[in-house]
Amino acid sequence: MAIKTVVTNRKAYHNYHIQESIEAGIALTGTEIKSIRTGRVSLGDAYVKPEGGELWLLNAHIARYEAGSYLSHVPTRPRKLLLHRKQIDSLSSQVLEKGFTLVPLKLYIKDGIAKVEIALAKGKKLYDKRESIIRRETEREVGRAMKRRQKSQRR
């Protein structure tokens, strides 16, 4: 199984506590999949909304395909996510009852088919974001110190 990650939503990991993630297919047009294969996608402001018994990917920007005609797709149109009925019902009920949010984490191509990994997430408070930034910076400092120490021991 060949998996090529096209784009990752790094902002989602910063703004949300990720609870559970799931793989979903996307209903796309021909020019959209061509744009995805060239990597012209952004998930920065994207989110998933349950509506009418279906899940919709909103605000995901897939750039127009340059070699396509002027009747190409609209870059931020709503796109239907393809999941099993039980999965849709479960995710929708958790979003409505427990205050969770559905966010796309990454978009990738798996065996020639575009997939999106969506996550059930809860928003972080400001102090949680600060805490994760501090933890990340201390890990970097420790890594740098370890590299310096290894270099000095080799000499």
N, C-alpha and C. Protein backbone atom coordinates (compact mmCIF):
# COMPACT_ATOMS: atom_id res chain seq x y z
N MET A 1 0.83 -1.18 0.00
CA MET A 1 0.00 0.00 0.00
C MET A 1 0.88 1.25 0.00
N ALA A 2 0.83 1.98 -1.09
CA ALA A 2 1.61 3.20 -1.20
C ALA A 2 0.79 4.38 -0.69
N ILE A 3 1.33 5.07 0.32
CA ILE A 3 0.66 6.24 0.88
C ILE A 3 1.56 7.45 0.68
N LYS A 4 1.02 8.48 0.04
CA LYS A 4 1.75 9.73 -0.18
C LYS A 4 0.99 10.84 0.53
N THR A 5 1.57 11.37 1.60
CA THR A 5 0.92 12.46 2.33
C THR A 5 1.07 13.73 1.52
N VAL A 6 -0.06 14.36 1.21
CA VAL A 6 -0.06 15.58 0.41
C VAL A 6 0.06 16.80 1.31
N VAL A 7 -0.76 16.87 2.37
CA VAL A 7 -0.74 18.02 3.26
C VAL A 7 -1.14 17.58 4.67
N THR A 8 -0.53 18.23 5.67
CA THR A 8 -0.84 17.98 7.08
C THR A 8 -1.32 19.28 7.71
N ASN A 9 -2.35 19.19 8.52
CA ASN A 9 -2.90 20.36 9.20
C ASN A 9 -2.21 20.51 10.55
N ARG A 10 -1.07 21.20 10.57
CA ARG A 10 -0.30 21.34 11.80
C ARG A 10 -1.02 22.23 12.80
N LYS A 11 -1.82 23.14 12.30
CA LYS A 11 -2.57 24.05 13.17
C LYS A 11 -3.56 23.27 14.06
N ALA A 12 -4.08 22.17 13.55
CA ALA A 12 -5.04 21.37 14.33
C ALA A 12 -4.38 20.77 15.56
N TYR A 13 -3.13 20.32 15.43
CA TYR A 13 -2.43 19.74 16.57
C TYR A 13 -2.13 20.80 17.64
N HIS A 14 -2.00 22.05 17.21
CA HIS A 14 -1.72 23.14 18.15
C HIS A 14 -3.00 23.62 18.85
N ASN A 15 -4.12 23.64 18.14
CA ASN A 15 -5.35 24.22 18.67
C ASN A 15 -6.28 23.22 19.34
N TYR A 16 -6.06 21.92 19.17
CA TYR A 16 -7.00 20.92 19.67
C TYR A 16 -6.30 19.77 20.39
N HIS A 17 -7.03 19.17 21.35
CA HIS A 17 -6.65 17.89 21.93
C HIS A 17 -7.28 16.83 21.04
N ILE A 18 -6.48 16.00 20.39
CA ILE A 18 -6.98 14.99 19.47
C ILE A 18 -7.40 13.76 20.29
N GLN A 19 -8.66 13.35 20.15
CA GLN A 19 -9.18 12.20 20.89
C GLN A 19 -9.10 10.91 20.07
N GLU A 20 -9.61 10.97 18.85
CA GLU A 20 -9.71 9.77 18.02
C GLU A 20 -9.65 10.21 16.56
N SER A 21 -8.98 9.44 15.72
CA SER A 21 -8.93 9.81 14.31
C SER A 21 -9.46 8.66 13.45
N ILE A 22 -9.94 9.03 12.28
CA ILE A 22 -10.56 8.05 11.39
C ILE A 22 -10.29 8.45 9.94
N GLU A 23 -10.16 7.46 9.06
CA GLU A 23 -9.90 7.70 7.65
C GLU A 23 -11.21 7.80 6.90
N ALA A 24 -11.31 8.79 6.00
CA ALA A 24 -12.52 8.97 5.20
C ALA A 24 -12.15 9.25 3.76
N GLY A 25 -13.01 8.82 2.85
CA GLY A 25 -12.83 9.14 1.44
C GLY A 25 -13.45 10.51 1.18
N ILE A 26 -13.15 11.09 0.03
CA ILE A 26 -13.70 12.39 -0.34
C ILE A 26 -14.30 12.28 -1.74
N ALA A 27 -15.48 12.88 -1.92
CA ALA A 27 -16.10 12.95 -3.25
C ALA A 27 -15.51 14.16 -3.97
N LEU A 28 -14.75 13.90 -5.04
CA LEU A 28 -14.03 14.96 -5.75
C LEU A 28 -14.39 14.97 -7.23
N THR A 29 -14.09 16.07 -7.89
CA THR A 29 -14.22 16.14 -9.35
C THR A 29 -12.86 15.84 -9.97
N GLY A 30 -12.81 15.74 -11.28
CA GLY A 30 -11.56 15.38 -11.97
C GLY A 30 -10.44 16.38 -11.79
N THR A 31 -10.76 17.67 -11.87
CA THR A 31 -9.71 18.67 -11.73
C THR A 31 -9.24 18.79 -10.28
N GLU A 32 -10.10 18.46 -9.32
CA GLU A 32 -9.69 18.51 -7.91
C GLU A 32 -8.64 17.45 -7.60
N ILE A 33 -8.82 16.24 -8.07
CA ILE A 33 -7.86 15.18 -7.78
C ILE A 33 -6.53 15.49 -8.47
N LYS A 34 -6.56 16.11 -9.63
CA LYS A 34 -5.33 16.48 -10.30
C LYS A 34 -4.58 17.55 -9.51
N SER A 35 -5.31 18.51 -8.96
CA SER A 35 -4.68 19.53 -8.12
C SER A 35 -4.11 18.93 -6.85
N ILE A 36 -4.81 17.97 -6.27
CA ILE A 36 -4.33 17.31 -5.05
C ILE A 36 -3.03 16.57 -5.35
N ARG A 37 -2.98 15.90 -6.48
CA ARG A 37 -1.76 15.15 -6.83
C ARG A 37 -0.57 16.06 -7.02
N THR A 38 -0.80 17.31 -7.45
CA THR A 38 0.31 18.26 -7.57
C THR A 38 0.62 18.95 -6.25
N GLY A 39 -0.20 18.71 -5.21
CA GLY A 39 0.08 19.23 -3.87
C GLY A 39 -0.44 20.63 -3.61
N ARG A 40 -1.38 21.10 -4.38
CA ARG A 40 -1.89 22.46 -4.22
C ARG A 40 -3.14 22.47 -3.35
N VAL A 41 -2.95 22.12 -2.06
CA VAL A 41 -4.06 21.97 -1.11
C VAL A 41 -3.70 22.67 0.20
N SER A 42 -4.70 23.21 0.87
CA SER A 42 -4.51 23.80 2.19
C SER A 42 -5.66 23.39 3.10
N LEU A 43 -5.31 22.87 4.29
CA LEU A 43 -6.32 22.48 5.28
C LEU A 43 -6.31 23.40 6.49
N GLY A 44 -5.64 24.54 6.41
CA GLY A 44 -5.46 25.42 7.55
C GLY A 44 -6.75 25.85 8.22
N ASP A 45 -7.75 26.26 7.46
CA ASP A 45 -9.01 26.73 8.04
C ASP A 45 -10.13 25.71 7.90
N ALA A 46 -9.83 24.51 7.49
CA ALA A 46 -10.85 23.52 7.19
C ALA A 46 -11.43 22.90 8.46
N TYR A 47 -12.68 22.49 8.35
CA TYR A 47 -13.36 21.77 9.43
C TYR A 47 -14.40 20.85 8.82
N VAL A 48 -14.93 19.94 9.63
CA VAL A 48 -15.93 18.99 9.17
C VAL A 48 -17.22 19.26 9.91
N LYS A 49 -18.33 19.27 9.16
CA LYS A 49 -19.63 19.58 9.75
C LYS A 49 -20.63 18.48 9.41
N PRO A 50 -21.31 17.92 10.42
CA PRO A 50 -22.38 16.97 10.12
C PRO A 50 -23.64 17.73 9.70
N GLU A 51 -24.22 17.29 8.59
CA GLU A 51 -25.41 17.97 8.08
C GLU A 51 -26.24 16.99 7.25
N GLY A 52 -27.47 16.82 7.64
CA GLY A 52 -28.38 15.96 6.88
C GLY A 52 -27.96 14.51 6.83
N GLY A 53 -27.38 13.98 7.91
CA GLY A 53 -26.96 12.59 7.94
C GLY A 53 -25.69 12.32 7.17
N GLU A 54 -24.97 13.37 6.79
CA GLU A 54 -23.71 13.24 6.07
C GLU A 54 -22.67 14.13 6.72
N LEU A 55 -21.39 13.87 6.40
CA LEU A 55 -20.31 14.73 6.88
C LEU A 55 -19.75 15.50 5.70
N TRP A 56 -19.53 16.81 5.90
CA TRP A 56 -19.05 17.69 4.84
C TRP A 56 -17.74 18.34 5.25
N LEU A 57 -16.77 18.34 4.36
CA LEU A 57 -15.50 19.02 4.57
C LEU A 57 -15.65 20.44 4.04
N LEU A 58 -15.53 21.43 4.93
CA LEU A 58 -15.73 22.82 4.56
C LEU A 58 -14.43 23.61 4.68
N ASN A 59 -14.28 24.62 3.85
CA ASN A 59 -13.14 25.55 3.84
C ASN A 59 -11.80 24.91 3.50
N ALA A 60 -11.79 23.72 2.97
CA ALA A 60 -10.54 23.13 2.48
C ALA A 60 -10.27 23.74 1.11
N HIS A 61 -9.11 24.33 0.93
CA HIS A 61 -8.79 25.02 -0.31
C HIS A 61 -8.00 24.09 -1.23
N ILE A 62 -8.62 23.70 -2.33
CA ILE A 62 -7.94 22.94 -3.38
C ILE A 62 -7.85 23.87 -4.58
N ALA A 63 -6.64 24.29 -4.92
CA ALA A 63 -6.43 25.29 -5.98
C ALA A 63 -6.94 24.79 -7.31
N ARG A 64 -7.31 25.72 -8.17
CA ARG A 64 -7.75 25.36 -9.52
C ARG A 64 -6.62 24.66 -10.26
N TYR A 65 -6.97 23.69 -11.07
CA TYR A 65 -5.98 22.96 -11.88
C TYR A 65 -5.60 23.84 -13.07
N GLU A 66 -4.32 24.12 -13.20
CA GLU A 66 -3.85 25.06 -14.21
C GLU A 66 -4.14 24.61 -15.64
N ALA A 67 -4.04 23.32 -15.89
CA ALA A 67 -4.25 22.83 -17.25
C ALA A 67 -5.74 22.59 -17.55
N GLY A 68 -6.61 22.81 -16.55
CA GLY A 68 -8.05 22.63 -16.76
C GLY A 68 -8.65 23.82 -17.48
N SER A 69 -9.91 23.68 -17.84
CA SER A 69 -10.59 24.77 -18.56
C SER A 69 -11.05 25.84 -17.58
N TYR A 70 -11.66 26.88 -18.10
CA TYR A 70 -12.15 27.95 -17.24
C TYR A 70 -13.36 27.50 -16.43
N LEU A 71 -13.94 26.38 -16.75
CA LEU A 71 -15.08 25.83 -16.00
C LEU A 71 -14.62 24.88 -14.90
N SER A 72 -13.45 25.11 -14.39
CA SER A 72 -12.87 24.27 -13.35
C SER A 72 -13.67 24.38 -12.05
N HIS A 73 -13.28 23.65 -11.05
CA HIS A 73 -14.00 23.62 -9.76
C HIS A 73 -13.80 24.90 -8.96
N VAL A 74 -14.69 25.12 -8.01
CA VAL A 74 -14.56 26.24 -7.06
C VAL A 74 -13.61 25.78 -5.95
N PRO A 75 -12.56 26.57 -5.64
CA PRO A 75 -11.51 26.09 -4.71
C PRO A 75 -11.99 25.71 -3.31
N THR A 76 -12.98 26.40 -2.74
CA THR A 76 -13.39 26.11 -1.36
C THR A 76 -14.79 25.53 -1.27
N ARG A 77 -15.24 24.82 -2.27
CA ARG A 77 -16.59 24.27 -2.23
C ARG A 77 -16.70 23.18 -1.15
N PRO A 78 -17.91 22.96 -0.60
CA PRO A 78 -18.08 21.87 0.37
C PRO A 78 -17.90 20.52 -0.32
N ARG A 79 -17.17 19.62 0.35
CA ARG A 79 -16.92 18.30 -0.23
C ARG A 79 -17.46 17.23 0.71
N LYS A 80 -18.19 16.28 0.14
CA LYS A 80 -18.80 15.22 0.92
C LYS A 80 -17.75 14.19 1.33
N LEU A 81 -17.78 13.78 2.61
CA LEU A 81 -16.88 12.74 3.09
C LEU A 81 -17.60 11.40 3.03
N LEU A 82 -16.86 10.37 2.66
CA LEU A 82 -17.44 9.05 2.46
C LEU A 82 -17.05 8.14 3.63
N LEU A 83 -18.03 7.79 4.44
CA LEU A 83 -17.84 6.92 5.60
C LEU A 83 -19.01 5.95 5.69
N HIS A 84 -18.87 4.95 6.55
CA HIS A 84 -19.97 4.03 6.81
C HIS A 84 -21.02 4.74 7.66
N ARG A 85 -22.26 4.32 7.55
CA ARG A 85 -23.38 4.95 8.26
C ARG A 85 -23.15 4.96 9.77
N LYS A 86 -22.67 3.85 10.33
CA LYS A 86 -22.43 3.78 11.78
C LYS A 86 -21.38 4.80 12.21
N GLN A 87 -20.33 4.96 11.41
CA GLN A 87 -19.29 5.93 11.73
C GLN A 87 -19.83 7.35 11.70
N ILE A 88 -20.64 7.66 10.68
CA ILE A 88 -21.23 8.99 10.57
C ILE A 88 -22.13 9.28 11.77
N ASP A 89 -22.98 8.32 12.12
CA ASP A 89 -23.89 8.52 13.25
C ASP A 89 -23.14 8.70 14.55
N SER A 90 -22.11 7.90 14.76
CA SER A 90 -21.32 7.98 15.99
C SER A 90 -20.63 9.34 16.11
N LEU A 91 -19.95 9.76 15.05
CA LEU A 91 -19.24 11.04 15.07
C LEU A 91 -20.21 12.21 15.22
N SER A 92 -21.32 12.16 14.50
CA SER A 92 -22.30 13.24 14.57
C SER A 92 -22.88 13.38 15.97
N SER A 93 -23.19 12.25 16.61
CA SER A 93 -23.77 12.33 17.95
C SER A 93 -22.76 12.87 18.96
N GLN A 94 -21.49 12.50 18.83
CA GLN A 94 -20.48 13.01 19.75
C GLN A 94 -20.26 14.51 19.56
N VAL A 95 -20.33 14.98 18.33
CA VAL A 95 -20.17 16.41 18.06
C VAL A 95 -21.34 17.18 18.66
N LEU A 96 -22.54 16.67 18.50
CA LEU A 96 -23.72 17.39 18.99
C LEU A 96 -23.88 17.32 20.50
N GLU A 97 -23.56 16.18 21.12
CA GLU A 97 -23.83 16.00 22.55
C GLU A 97 -22.66 16.43 23.43
N LYS A 98 -21.46 16.04 23.10
CA LYS A 98 -20.33 16.20 24.01
C LYS A 98 -19.46 17.42 23.74
N GLY A 99 -19.78 18.21 22.73
CA GLY A 99 -19.01 19.41 22.48
C GLY A 99 -17.68 19.18 21.78
N PHE A 100 -17.56 18.08 21.08
CA PHE A 100 -16.36 17.83 20.30
C PHE A 100 -16.45 18.55 18.96
N THR A 101 -15.34 18.63 18.26
CA THR A 101 -15.26 19.21 16.93
C THR A 101 -14.60 18.19 16.02
N LEU A 102 -14.96 18.21 14.75
CA LEU A 102 -14.31 17.35 13.77
C LEU A 102 -13.37 18.20 12.93
N VAL A 103 -12.08 17.86 12.94
CA VAL A 103 -11.08 18.60 12.18
C VAL A 103 -10.30 17.65 11.27
N PRO A 104 -9.96 18.09 10.06
CA PRO A 104 -9.12 17.26 9.20
C PRO A 104 -7.66 17.38 9.64
N LEU A 105 -6.98 16.25 9.78
CA LEU A 105 -5.58 16.25 10.18
C LEU A 105 -4.63 16.21 9.00
N LYS A 106 -4.93 15.32 8.05
CA LYS A 106 -4.07 15.26 6.87
C LYS A 106 -4.84 14.73 5.68
N LEU A 107 -4.35 15.08 4.51
CA LEU A 107 -4.92 14.60 3.26
C LEU A 107 -3.81 13.83 2.55
N TYR A 108 -4.12 12.65 2.10
CA TYR A 108 -3.10 11.81 1.46
C TYR A 108 -3.71 10.98 0.36
N ILE A 109 -2.85 10.41 -0.46
CA ILE A 109 -3.29 9.54 -1.54
C ILE A 109 -2.85 8.13 -1.20
N LYS A 110 -3.82 7.24 -1.12
CA LYS A 110 -3.57 5.84 -0.74
C LYS A 110 -4.03 4.96 -1.89
N ASP A 111 -3.10 4.30 -2.52
CA ASP A 111 -3.39 3.44 -3.68
C ASP A 111 -4.15 4.18 -4.77
N GLY A 112 -3.79 5.43 -5.03
CA GLY A 112 -4.40 6.20 -6.09
C GLY A 112 -5.70 6.88 -5.72
N ILE A 113 -6.16 6.73 -4.48
CA ILE A 113 -7.42 7.31 -4.04
C ILE A 113 -7.14 8.35 -2.95
N ALA A 114 -7.75 9.53 -3.07
CA ALA A 114 -7.55 10.59 -2.08
C ALA A 114 -8.33 10.26 -0.81
N LYS A 115 -7.67 10.36 0.32
CA LYS A 115 -8.29 10.12 1.63
C LYS A 115 -7.96 11.29 2.53
N VAL A 116 -8.81 11.50 3.52
CA VAL A 116 -8.57 12.53 4.52
C VAL A 116 -8.69 11.88 5.89
N GLU A 117 -7.76 12.20 6.78
CA GLU A 117 -7.83 11.70 8.15
C GLU A 117 -8.49 12.79 8.98
N ILE A 118 -9.67 12.46 9.53
CA ILE A 118 -10.37 13.42 10.36
C ILE A 118 -10.28 12.97 11.81
N ALA A 119 -10.34 13.95 12.71
CA ALA A 119 -10.18 13.62 14.13
C ALA A 119 -11.30 14.24 14.94
N LEU A 120 -11.70 13.52 15.95
CA LEU A 120 -12.61 14.02 16.96
C LEU A 120 -11.74 14.75 17.96
N ALA A 121 -11.97 16.05 18.12
CA ALA A 121 -11.05 16.86 18.92
C ALA A 121 -11.81 17.80 19.84
N LYS A 122 -11.13 18.22 20.89
CA LYS A 122 -11.67 19.20 21.83
C LYS A 122 -10.71 20.38 21.84
N GLY A 123 -11.24 21.59 21.80
CA GLY A 123 -10.41 22.79 21.73
C GLY A 123 -9.54 22.97 22.96
N LYS A 124 -8.32 23.46 22.73
CA LYS A 124 -7.40 23.74 23.84
C LYS A 124 -7.67 25.13 24.38
N LYS A 125 -7.44 25.30 25.65
CA LYS A 125 -7.48 26.62 26.27
C LYS A 125 -6.12 27.28 26.03
N LEU A 126 -6.04 28.57 26.30
CA LEU A 126 -4.81 29.32 26.06
C LEU A 126 -3.66 28.77 26.89
N TYR A 127 -3.93 28.41 28.15
CA TYR A 127 -2.85 27.89 28.99
C TYR A 127 -2.36 26.52 28.52
N ASP A 128 -3.23 25.72 27.90
CA ASP A 128 -2.80 24.44 27.33
C ASP A 128 -1.84 24.67 26.16
N LYS A 129 -2.14 25.69 25.33
CA LYS A 129 -1.27 25.98 24.20
C LYS A 129 0.10 26.43 24.68
N ARG A 130 0.12 27.28 25.71
CA ARG A 130 1.40 27.74 26.26
C ARG A 130 2.19 26.57 26.82
N GLU A 131 1.51 25.68 27.49
CA GLU A 131 2.17 24.50 28.08
C GLU A 131 2.80 23.63 27.01
N SER A 132 2.08 23.41 25.90
CA SER A 132 2.62 22.57 24.83
C SER A 132 3.81 23.26 24.14
N ILE A 133 3.77 24.58 24.02
CA ILE A 133 4.90 25.31 23.43
C ILE A 133 6.14 25.18 24.31
N ILE A 134 5.95 25.35 25.62
CA ILE A 134 7.07 25.23 26.56
C ILE A 134 7.67 23.82 26.51
N ARG A 135 6.80 22.81 26.49
CA ARG A 135 7.27 21.42 26.45
C ARG A 135 8.06 21.14 25.18
N ARG A 136 7.57 21.65 24.03
CA ARG A 136 8.25 21.45 22.76
C ARG A 136 9.62 22.12 22.76
N GLU A 137 9.70 23.33 23.31
CA GLU A 137 10.98 24.04 23.34
C GLU A 137 11.98 23.37 24.26
N THR A 138 11.54 22.83 25.40
CA THR A 138 12.47 22.12 26.28
C THR A 138 12.97 20.84 25.63
N GLU A 139 12.10 20.17 24.88
CA GLU A 139 12.55 18.97 24.16
C GLU A 139 13.61 19.33 23.12
N ARG A 140 13.44 20.44 22.44
CA ARG A 140 14.43 20.89 21.46
C ARG A 140 15.76 21.19 22.13
N GLU A 141 15.70 21.87 23.27
CA GLU A 141 16.92 22.21 24.00
C GLU A 141 17.66 20.95 24.45
N VAL A 142 16.91 19.98 24.94
CA VAL A 142 17.52 18.72 25.36
C VAL A 142 18.17 18.03 24.17
N GLY A 143 17.48 18.01 23.03
CA GLY A 143 18.03 17.40 21.82
C GLY A 143 19.31 18.08 21.36
N ARG A 144 19.33 19.41 21.42
CA ARG A 144 20.53 20.15 21.03
C ARG A 144 21.69 19.86 21.98
N ALA A 145 21.38 19.81 23.27
CA ALA A 145 22.43 19.52 24.26
C ALA A 145 23.00 18.12 24.04
N MET A 146 22.14 17.17 23.73
CA MET A 146 22.60 15.80 23.49
C MET A 146 23.51 15.75 22.25
N LYS A 147 23.15 16.49 21.19
CA LYS A 147 23.99 16.52 19.99
C LYS A 147 25.35 17.12 20.28
N ARG A 148 25.36 18.25 21.05
CA ARG A 148 26.63 18.88 21.41
C ARG A 148 27.50 17.93 22.22
N ARG A 149 26.87 17.22 23.13
CA ARG A 149 27.62 16.29 23.98
C ARG A 149 28.21 15.15 23.15
N GLN A 150 27.41 14.61 22.20
CA GLN A 150 27.91 13.54 21.36
C GLN A 150 29.07 14.02 20.49
N LYS A 151 28.99 15.24 19.97
CA LYS A 151 30.08 15.78 19.16
C LYS A 151 31.34 15.94 19.98
N SER A 152 31.21 16.43 21.20
CA SER A 152 32.39 16.65 22.04
C SER A 152 33.01 15.33 22.46
N GLN A 153 32.25 14.28 22.62
CA GLN A 153 32.80 12.97 23.02
C GLN A 153 33.54 12.31 21.84
N ARG A 154 33.13 12.61 20.60
CA ARG A 154 33.82 12.04 19.45
C ARG A 154 35.19 12.63 19.24
N ARG A 155 35.41 13.84 19.68
CA ARG A 155 36.70 14.52 19.45
C ARG A 155 37.75 14.06 20.36
